[in-house]
């Protein structure tokens, strides 16, 4: 074989040592243990705006009937219903008085 010179110039050795060093500091240097601060109860800011208006509750619809031929997924069910009942209301938005403002249909 070819004889290998075991001597390496100081510049090459310095470059190798630089490349061997980690490029980023270890994660421990970035980690701040603020667990105790998270457990402290934060006092609300007195200048923070207060909520206005009535509390809104979810309106529950009619229970679903038991059907033997359910589609395999919600998307398939929406597709089937949209093709068979395109004018049926899908979603209705109400104003504060409870009157329908917008109605979205399947079609």
N, C-alpha and C. Protein backbone atom coordinates (compact mmCIF):
# COMPACT_ATOMS: atom_id res chain seq x y z
N UNK A 1 0.77 -1.16 0.00
CA UNK A 1 0.00 0.00 0.00
C UNK A 1 0.83 1.26 0.00
N UNK A 2 0.15 2.35 0.02
CA UNK A 2 0.77 3.67 -0.01
C UNK A 2 1.09 4.06 1.44
N UNK A 3 2.32 4.50 1.70
CA UNK A 3 2.64 4.91 3.07
C UNK A 3 1.83 6.16 3.45
N UNK A 4 1.30 6.18 4.68
CA UNK A 4 0.49 7.29 5.16
C UNK A 4 1.33 8.11 6.10
N UNK A 5 1.37 9.40 5.84
CA UNK A 5 2.12 10.31 6.69
C UNK A 5 1.25 10.63 7.89
N UNK A 6 1.66 10.29 9.10
CA UNK A 6 0.85 10.46 10.29
C UNK A 6 0.89 11.89 10.81
N UNK A 7 1.77 12.71 10.24
CA UNK A 7 1.81 14.10 10.66
C UNK A 7 0.73 14.90 9.94
N UNK A 8 0.03 15.75 10.69
CA UNK A 8 -1.01 16.59 10.12
C UNK A 8 -0.64 18.02 10.46
N UNK A 9 -0.77 18.89 9.51
CA UNK A 9 -0.41 20.28 9.76
C UNK A 9 -1.27 20.84 10.89
N UNK A 10 -0.76 21.84 11.56
CA UNK A 10 -1.49 22.42 12.70
C UNK A 10 -2.79 23.07 12.25
N UNK A 11 -2.82 23.64 11.05
CA UNK A 11 -4.05 24.28 10.55
C UNK A 11 -5.13 23.23 10.31
N UNK A 12 -4.75 22.07 9.73
CA UNK A 12 -5.73 21.00 9.49
C UNK A 12 -6.21 20.44 10.82
N UNK A 13 -5.30 20.27 11.78
CA UNK A 13 -5.67 19.75 13.09
C UNK A 13 -6.63 20.72 13.79
N UNK A 14 -6.38 22.02 13.67
CA UNK A 14 -7.26 23.03 14.27
C UNK A 14 -8.65 22.97 13.63
N UNK A 15 -8.69 22.79 12.31
CA UNK A 15 -9.96 22.68 11.61
C UNK A 15 -10.72 21.44 12.07
N UNK A 16 -10.04 20.32 12.20
CA UNK A 16 -10.69 19.09 12.67
C UNK A 16 -11.24 19.27 14.08
N UNK A 17 -10.49 19.90 14.95
CA UNK A 17 -10.96 20.13 16.32
C UNK A 17 -12.18 21.05 16.33
N UNK A 18 -12.20 22.03 15.45
CA UNK A 18 -13.35 22.93 15.36
C UNK A 18 -14.59 22.17 14.89
N UNK A 19 -14.40 21.29 13.91
CA UNK A 19 -15.53 20.53 13.38
C UNK A 19 -16.05 19.52 14.39
N UNK A 20 -15.21 19.02 15.28
CA UNK A 20 -15.63 18.03 16.27
C UNK A 20 -16.47 18.67 17.38
N UNK A 21 -16.29 19.98 17.62
CA UNK A 21 -17.05 20.65 18.66
C UNK A 21 -18.51 20.75 18.26
N UNK A 22 -19.44 20.66 19.22
CA UNK A 22 -20.86 20.81 18.87
C UNK A 22 -21.13 22.23 18.39
N UNK A 23 -22.00 22.33 17.38
CA UNK A 23 -22.30 23.63 16.79
C UNK A 23 -23.26 24.42 17.66
N UNK A 24 -24.10 23.74 18.42
CA UNK A 24 -25.06 24.42 19.27
C UNK A 24 -24.77 24.07 20.72
N UNK A 25 -25.06 24.98 21.62
CA UNK A 25 -24.89 24.64 23.02
C UNK A 25 -25.90 23.56 23.42
N UNK A 26 -25.60 22.79 24.44
CA UNK A 26 -26.54 21.75 24.87
C UNK A 26 -27.89 22.35 25.27
N UNK A 27 -28.93 21.54 25.21
CA UNK A 27 -30.28 21.99 25.48
C UNK A 27 -30.43 22.52 26.91
N UNK A 28 -29.65 22.00 27.84
CA UNK A 28 -29.74 22.42 29.24
C UNK A 28 -29.52 23.93 29.38
N UNK A 29 -28.70 24.49 28.53
CA UNK A 29 -28.42 25.92 28.63
C UNK A 29 -29.63 26.76 28.22
N UNK A 30 -30.52 26.21 27.42
CA UNK A 30 -31.71 26.94 26.99
C UNK A 30 -32.91 26.68 27.88
N UNK A 31 -32.90 25.60 28.63
CA UNK A 31 -34.05 25.18 29.43
C UNK A 31 -34.15 26.03 30.69
N UNK A 32 -35.33 26.58 30.93
CA UNK A 32 -35.59 27.35 32.14
C UNK A 32 -36.68 26.63 32.90
N UNK A 33 -36.41 26.27 34.13
CA UNK A 33 -37.38 25.54 34.93
C UNK A 33 -38.33 26.55 35.58
N UNK A 34 -39.49 26.77 34.96
CA UNK A 34 -40.46 27.71 35.50
C UNK A 34 -41.71 27.00 36.01
N UNK A 35 -41.55 25.74 36.40
CA UNK A 35 -42.69 24.95 36.86
C UNK A 35 -43.34 25.59 38.08
N UNK A 36 -42.54 26.10 39.01
CA UNK A 36 -43.09 26.72 40.21
C UNK A 36 -43.92 27.95 39.86
N UNK A 37 -43.48 28.72 38.86
CA UNK A 37 -44.23 29.89 38.44
C UNK A 37 -45.57 29.51 37.83
N UNK A 38 -45.60 28.37 37.15
CA UNK A 38 -46.85 27.93 36.53
C UNK A 38 -47.87 27.53 37.58
N UNK A 39 -47.40 27.05 38.74
CA UNK A 39 -48.31 26.64 39.79
C UNK A 39 -48.92 27.82 40.54
N UNK A 40 -48.27 28.98 40.49
CA UNK A 40 -48.79 30.15 41.17
C UNK A 40 -50.06 30.63 40.48
N UNK A 41 -51.02 31.07 41.26
CA UNK A 41 -52.28 31.57 40.71
C UNK A 41 -52.05 33.00 40.22
N UNK A 42 -52.34 33.22 38.96
CA UNK A 42 -52.16 34.55 38.38
C UNK A 42 -53.34 35.43 38.78
N UNK A 43 -53.06 36.64 39.22
CA UNK A 43 -54.12 37.60 39.55
C UNK A 43 -54.57 38.28 38.25
N UNK A 44 -55.88 38.39 38.04
CA UNK A 44 -56.35 39.03 36.80
C UNK A 44 -55.97 40.50 36.77
N UNK A 45 -55.72 40.98 35.58
CA UNK A 45 -55.36 42.38 35.38
C UNK A 45 -56.62 43.22 35.57
N UNK A 46 -56.59 44.21 36.48
CA UNK A 46 -57.80 45.02 36.70
C UNK A 46 -58.17 45.86 35.48
N UNK A 47 -57.23 46.11 34.57
CA UNK A 47 -57.51 46.90 33.37
C UNK A 47 -58.06 46.06 32.22
N UNK A 48 -58.10 44.75 32.43
CA UNK A 48 -58.59 43.85 31.37
C UNK A 48 -60.09 44.06 31.18
N UNK A 49 -60.56 44.12 29.93
CA UNK A 49 -62.01 44.32 29.71
C UNK A 49 -62.82 43.15 30.23
N UNK A 50 -63.99 43.45 30.76
CA UNK A 50 -64.89 42.43 31.29
C UNK A 50 -65.81 41.94 30.18
N UNK A 51 -66.21 40.65 30.23
CA UNK A 51 -67.13 40.13 29.21
C UNK A 51 -68.50 40.82 29.32
N UNK A 52 -69.13 41.00 28.18
CA UNK A 52 -70.44 41.64 28.13
C UNK A 52 -71.45 40.70 27.51
N UNK A 53 -72.72 40.94 27.75
CA UNK A 53 -73.77 40.17 27.11
C UNK A 53 -74.14 38.92 27.88
N UNK A 54 -75.09 38.18 27.32
CA UNK A 54 -75.57 36.95 27.96
C UNK A 54 -74.66 35.78 27.62
N UNK A 55 -74.66 34.81 28.51
CA UNK A 55 -73.90 33.59 28.25
C UNK A 55 -74.66 32.74 27.23
N UNK A 56 -73.94 32.16 26.29
CA UNK A 56 -74.56 31.37 25.23
C UNK A 56 -74.45 29.89 25.57
N UNK A 57 -75.55 29.17 25.37
CA UNK A 57 -75.55 27.73 25.60
C UNK A 57 -75.78 27.02 24.28
N UNK A 58 -75.27 25.81 24.18
CA UNK A 58 -75.44 25.01 22.97
C UNK A 58 -76.86 24.48 22.93
N UNK A 59 -77.47 24.60 21.77
CA UNK A 59 -78.82 24.10 21.59
C UNK A 59 -78.74 22.67 21.10
N UNK A 60 -79.38 21.77 21.83
CA UNK A 60 -79.34 20.36 21.44
C UNK A 60 -80.51 20.06 20.51
N UNK A 61 -80.20 19.32 19.44
CA UNK A 61 -81.22 18.96 18.48
C UNK A 61 -81.88 17.65 18.83
N UNK A 62 -82.62 17.13 17.88
CA UNK A 62 -83.31 15.86 18.09
C UNK A 62 -82.31 14.72 18.09
N UNK A 63 -82.57 13.68 18.87
CA UNK A 63 -81.66 12.53 18.86
C UNK A 63 -81.73 11.81 17.52
N UNK A 64 -80.60 11.23 17.14
CA UNK A 64 -80.56 10.49 15.88
C UNK A 64 -81.31 9.18 16.02
N UNK A 65 -82.01 8.82 14.96
CA UNK A 65 -82.69 7.53 14.96
C UNK A 65 -81.70 6.42 14.67
N UNK A 66 -82.05 5.21 15.04
CA UNK A 66 -81.17 4.08 14.79
C UNK A 66 -81.38 3.63 13.34
N UNK A 67 -80.31 3.67 12.57
CA UNK A 67 -80.37 3.31 11.16
C UNK A 67 -79.36 2.18 10.94
N UNK A 68 -79.75 1.19 10.17
CA UNK A 68 -78.86 0.04 9.97
C UNK A 68 -77.84 0.29 8.87
N UNK A 69 -78.13 1.16 7.92
CA UNK A 69 -77.20 1.37 6.80
C UNK A 69 -76.44 2.70 6.94
N UNK A 70 -75.80 2.92 8.08
CA UNK A 70 -75.01 4.13 8.31
C UNK A 70 -73.85 4.18 7.34
N UNK A 71 -73.50 5.34 6.83
CA UNK A 71 -72.28 5.45 6.01
C UNK A 71 -71.04 5.20 6.88
N UNK A 72 -69.92 4.83 6.28
CA UNK A 72 -68.74 4.48 7.06
C UNK A 72 -68.06 5.66 7.74
N UNK A 73 -68.32 6.89 7.29
CA UNK A 73 -67.67 8.05 7.89
C UNK A 73 -68.60 9.25 7.84
N UNK A 74 -68.25 10.28 8.59
CA UNK A 74 -69.04 11.51 8.58
C UNK A 74 -69.03 12.16 7.20
N UNK A 75 -67.86 12.14 6.57
CA UNK A 75 -67.75 12.73 5.24
C UNK A 75 -68.67 12.01 4.24
N UNK A 76 -68.70 10.67 4.34
CA UNK A 76 -69.58 9.90 3.44
C UNK A 76 -71.04 10.20 3.74
N UNK A 77 -71.37 10.37 5.02
CA UNK A 77 -72.76 10.69 5.38
C UNK A 77 -73.16 12.05 4.84
N UNK A 78 -72.27 13.05 4.96
CA UNK A 78 -72.56 14.37 4.42
C UNK A 78 -72.71 14.35 2.91
N UNK A 79 -71.86 13.56 2.26
CA UNK A 79 -71.94 13.44 0.80
C UNK A 79 -73.27 12.82 0.38
N UNK A 80 -73.65 11.76 1.08
CA UNK A 80 -74.91 11.09 0.73
C UNK A 80 -76.09 12.02 0.98
N UNK A 81 -76.12 12.67 2.13
CA UNK A 81 -77.24 13.57 2.45
C UNK A 81 -77.26 14.75 1.49
N UNK A 82 -76.08 15.27 1.12
CA UNK A 82 -76.01 16.40 0.21
C UNK A 82 -76.51 16.07 -1.18
N UNK A 83 -76.33 14.84 -1.62
CA UNK A 83 -76.81 14.47 -2.96
C UNK A 83 -78.30 14.14 -2.94
N UNK A 84 -78.80 13.61 -1.82
CA UNK A 84 -80.23 13.26 -1.77
C UNK A 84 -81.10 14.42 -1.30
N UNK A 85 -80.56 15.32 -0.47
CA UNK A 85 -81.33 16.44 0.08
C UNK A 85 -80.53 17.74 -0.07
N UNK A 86 -80.24 18.22 -1.28
CA UNK A 86 -79.36 19.38 -1.44
C UNK A 86 -79.94 20.68 -0.88
N UNK A 87 -81.26 20.80 -0.77
CA UNK A 87 -81.87 22.04 -0.28
C UNK A 87 -82.09 22.03 1.23
N UNK A 88 -81.78 20.93 1.89
CA UNK A 88 -81.99 20.82 3.34
C UNK A 88 -81.00 21.72 4.09
N UNK A 89 -81.44 22.39 5.15
CA UNK A 89 -80.52 23.24 5.90
C UNK A 89 -79.47 22.42 6.64
N UNK A 90 -78.23 22.86 6.51
CA UNK A 90 -77.11 22.18 7.14
C UNK A 90 -76.69 22.91 8.42
N UNK A 91 -76.68 24.25 8.35
CA UNK A 91 -76.23 25.07 9.47
C UNK A 91 -77.01 26.37 9.45
N UNK A 92 -77.47 26.81 10.61
CA UNK A 92 -78.20 28.07 10.71
C UNK A 92 -77.56 28.93 11.78
N UNK A 93 -77.25 30.17 11.44
CA UNK A 93 -76.71 31.13 12.40
C UNK A 93 -77.84 32.02 12.87
N UNK A 94 -77.90 32.25 14.20
CA UNK A 94 -78.96 33.06 14.78
C UNK A 94 -78.39 34.38 15.28
N UNK A 95 -79.23 35.42 15.27
CA UNK A 95 -78.80 36.69 15.86
C UNK A 95 -79.09 36.66 17.36
N UNK A 96 -78.87 37.77 18.03
CA UNK A 96 -79.04 37.81 19.48
C UNK A 96 -80.49 37.63 19.91
N UNK A 97 -81.42 37.93 19.03
CA UNK A 97 -82.84 37.75 19.34
C UNK A 97 -83.32 36.34 19.05
N UNK A 98 -82.47 35.49 18.48
CA UNK A 98 -82.85 34.11 18.18
C UNK A 98 -83.46 33.93 16.82
N UNK A 99 -83.37 34.95 15.96
CA UNK A 99 -83.91 34.83 14.61
C UNK A 99 -82.80 34.35 13.67
N UNK A 100 -83.17 33.54 12.68
CA UNK A 100 -82.20 33.01 11.72
C UNK A 100 -81.65 34.13 10.87
N UNK A 101 -80.32 34.23 10.82
CA UNK A 101 -79.65 35.26 10.01
C UNK A 101 -79.14 34.64 8.72
N UNK A 102 -78.42 33.52 8.85
CA UNK A 102 -77.87 32.83 7.69
C UNK A 102 -78.25 31.35 7.79
N UNK A 103 -78.52 30.75 6.64
CA UNK A 103 -78.77 29.31 6.61
C UNK A 103 -77.93 28.71 5.48
N UNK A 104 -77.14 27.74 5.84
CA UNK A 104 -76.28 27.05 4.88
C UNK A 104 -76.94 25.73 4.52
N UNK A 105 -77.04 25.46 3.22
CA UNK A 105 -77.65 24.20 2.79
C UNK A 105 -76.57 23.23 2.33
N UNK A 106 -76.94 21.96 2.20
CA UNK A 106 -75.98 20.94 1.78
C UNK A 106 -75.57 21.10 0.33
N UNK A 107 -76.49 21.61 -0.50
CA UNK A 107 -76.22 21.74 -1.92
C UNK A 107 -75.33 22.91 -2.21
